Amino acid sequence: MKAKLYDQIKTLVEVQPDFADEMIPKNTLGTIGECYKNPEGYAVDIAIPNQKLVGSYEYVNVIFTSDQFVLINTVLQPLNVITQ
């Protein structure tokens, strides 16, 4: 399996969600919510900016195959501390 639960991803393709009218553009960020083994697939929660809503985001869940996204490196980088 390419990804695991809660991994952060970036889409490689534009996708039409089942329950929304607008396309989800390429390079959209999301989080893996479920992983399926046979056939391999991933339910991804996508946050779409929407200033009309409280919190400024609308969330949709879309099923992706492993070739439709890349994993994002979520390892935190150390902070540069300046001392004098």
C-alpha atoms as a PDB file:
ATOM      1  CA  MET A   1       0.000   0.000   0.000  1.00  0.00           C
ATOM      2  CA  LYS A   2       1.283   3.426  -0.929  1.00  0.00           C
ATOM      3  CA  ALA A   3      -0.223   5.362   1.986  1.00  0.00           C
ATOM      4  CA  LYS A   4      -1.571   4.814   5.473  1.00  0.00           C
ATOM      5  CA  LEU A   5      -4.316   6.355   7.569  1.00  0.00           C
ATOM      6  CA  TYR A   6      -3.849  10.100   8.255  1.00  0.00           C
ATOM      7  CA  ASP A   7      -1.080  10.575   5.669  1.00  0.00           C
ATOM      8  CA  GLN A   8      -1.133  13.970   3.959  1.00  0.00           C
ATOM      9  CA  ILE A   9      -1.376  13.934   0.155  1.00  0.00           C
ATOM     10  CA  LYS A  10      -1.360  16.272  -2.854  1.00  0.00           C
ATOM     11  CA  THR A  11      -3.493  15.407  -5.876  1.00  0.00           C
ATOM     12  CA  LEU A  12      -1.805  14.844  -9.247  1.00  0.00           C
ATOM     13  CA  VAL A  13      -4.995  15.057 -11.314  1.00  0.00           C
ATOM     14  CA  GLU A  14      -8.239  17.012 -11.434  1.00  0.00           C
ATOM     15  CA  VAL A  15     -11.097  14.938  -9.941  1.00  0.00           C
ATOM     16  CA  GLN A  16     -14.910  15.132 -10.064  1.00  0.00           C
ATOM     17  CA  PRO A  17     -16.293  14.228  -6.607  1.00  0.00           C
ATOM     18  CA  ASP A  18     -19.504  12.166  -6.449  1.00  0.00           C
ATOM     19  CA  PHE A  19     -21.461  14.650  -4.313  1.00  0.00           C
ATOM     20  CA  ALA A  20     -20.201  18.063  -5.475  1.00  0.00           C
ATOM     21  CA  ASP A  21     -20.641  20.076  -8.645  1.00  0.00           C
ATOM     22  CA  GLU A  22     -17.170  21.601  -8.937  1.00  0.00           C
ATOM     23  CA  MET A  23     -14.006  19.773  -9.926  1.00  0.00           C
ATOM     24  CA  ILE A  24     -11.233  19.351  -7.366  1.00  0.00           C
ATOM     25  CA  PRO A  25      -8.130  20.850  -8.994  1.00  0.00           C
ATOM     26  CA  LYS A  26      -4.729  19.235  -9.372  1.00  0.00           C
ATOM     27  CA  ASN A  27      -2.321  20.032  -6.467  1.00  0.00           C
ATOM     28  CA  THR A  28      -5.099  20.095  -3.852  1.00  0.00           C
ATOM     29  CA  LEU A  29      -4.104  18.924  -0.358  1.00  0.00           C
ATOM     30  CA  GLY A  30      -5.931  16.215   1.552  1.00  0.00           C
ATOM     31  CA  THR A  31      -5.736  13.613   4.316  1.00  0.00           C
ATOM     32  CA  ILE A  32      -6.153   9.843   3.991  1.00  0.00           C
ATOM     33  CA  GLY A  33      -9.291   8.825   5.914  1.00  0.00           C
ATOM     34  CA  GLU A  34      -9.582   5.155   4.866  1.00  0.00           C
ATOM     35  CA  CYS A  35      -7.392   2.642   3.027  1.00  0.00           C
ATOM     36  CA  TYR A  36      -8.727  -0.208   0.859  1.00  0.00           C
ATOM     37  CA  LYS A  37      -6.599  -3.220  -0.104  1.00  0.00           C
ATOM     38  CA  ASN A  38      -8.483  -4.977  -2.911  1.00  0.00           C
ATOM     39  CA  PRO A  39      -8.646  -3.087  -5.134  1.00  0.00           C
ATOM     40  CA  GLU A  40      -6.167  -0.595  -3.706  1.00  0.00           C
ATOM     41  CA  GLY A  41      -7.870   2.732  -3.070  1.00  0.00           C
ATOM     42  CA  TYR A  42      -7.950   5.581  -0.588  1.00  0.00           C
ATOM     43  CA  ALA A  43     -10.776   7.710   0.793  1.00  0.00           C
ATOM     44  CA  VAL A  44      -9.308  11.212   1.050  1.00  0.00           C
ATOM     45  CA  ASP A  45     -10.777  14.182   2.918  1.00  0.00           C
ATOM     46  CA  ILE A  46     -10.234  17.307   0.827  1.00  0.00           C
ATOM     47  CA  ALA A  47     -10.613  20.856   2.242  1.00  0.00           C
ATOM     48  CA  ILE A  48     -11.967  23.292  -0.351  1.00  0.00           C
ATOM     49  CA  PRO A  49     -11.828  27.008   0.505  1.00  0.00           C
ATOM     50  CA  ASN A  50     -15.308  28.540   0.861  1.00  0.00           C
ATOM     51  CA  GLN A  51     -15.522  31.967   2.492  1.00  0.00           C
ATOM     52  CA  LYS A  52     -19.312  31.647   2.868  1.00  0.00           C
ATOM     53  CA  LEU A  53     -18.937  28.932   5.520  1.00  0.00           C
ATOM     54  CA  VAL A  54     -17.905  29.149   9.160  1.00  0.00           C
ATOM     55  CA  GLY A  55     -14.274  28.036   9.235  1.00  0.00           C
ATOM     56  CA  SER A  56     -13.827  29.034   5.573  1.00  0.00           C
ATOM     57  CA  TYR A  57     -13.652  25.443   4.255  1.00  0.00           C
ATOM     58  CA  GLU A  58     -16.012  22.887   2.754  1.00  0.00           C
ATOM     59  CA  TYR A  59     -14.944  19.252   3.127  1.00  0.00           C
ATOM     60  CA  VAL A  60     -15.523  16.497   0.590  1.00  0.00           C
ATOM     61  CA  ASN A  61     -14.450  12.855   0.633  1.00  0.00           C
ATOM     62  CA  VAL A  62     -13.143  11.415  -2.620  1.00  0.00           C
ATOM     63  CA  ILE A  63     -11.849   7.954  -3.511  1.00  0.00           C
ATOM     64  CA  PHE A  64      -8.398   8.012  -5.143  1.00  0.00           C
ATOM     65  CA  THR A  65      -6.193   5.349  -6.664  1.00  0.00           C
ATOM     66  CA  SER A  66      -2.500   5.365  -5.799  1.00  0.00           C
ATOM     67  CA  ASP A  67      -1.499   6.960  -9.125  1.00  0.00           C
ATOM     68  CA  GLN A  68      -3.703  10.030  -8.539  1.00  0.00           C
ATOM     69  CA  PHE A  69      -1.728  11.522  -5.625  1.00  0.00           C
ATOM     70  CA  VAL A  70       1.683  11.867  -4.007  1.00  0.00           C
ATOM     71  CA  LEU A  71       2.493  11.710  -0.327  1.00  0.00           C
ATOM     72  CA  ILE A  72       3.614  14.921   1.329  1.00  0.00           C
ATOM     73  CA  ASN A  73       6.631  14.772   3.605  1.00  0.00           C
ATOM     74  CA  THR A  74       5.155  15.760   6.966  1.00  0.00           C
ATOM     75  CA  VAL A  75       8.376  15.477   8.979  1.00  0.00           C
ATOM     76  CA  LEU A  76       8.772  18.710  10.891  1.00  0.00           C
ATOM     77  CA  GLN A  77      11.950  20.650  10.224  1.00  0.00           C
ATOM     78  CA  PRO A  78      13.854  22.042  13.233  1.00  0.00           C
ATOM     79  CA  LEU A  79      13.399  25.748  13.874  1.00  0.00           C
ATOM     80  CA  ASN A  80      16.351  28.016  13.242  1.00  0.00           C
ATOM     81  CA  VAL A  81      17.050  29.706  16.547  1.00  0.00           C
ATOM     82  CA  ILE A  82      19.056  32.930  16.491  1.00  0.00           C
ATOM     83  CA  THR A  83      21.051  33.616  19.606  1.00  0.00           C
ATOM     84  CA  GLN A  84      23.028  36.760  20.355  1.00  0.00           C
END
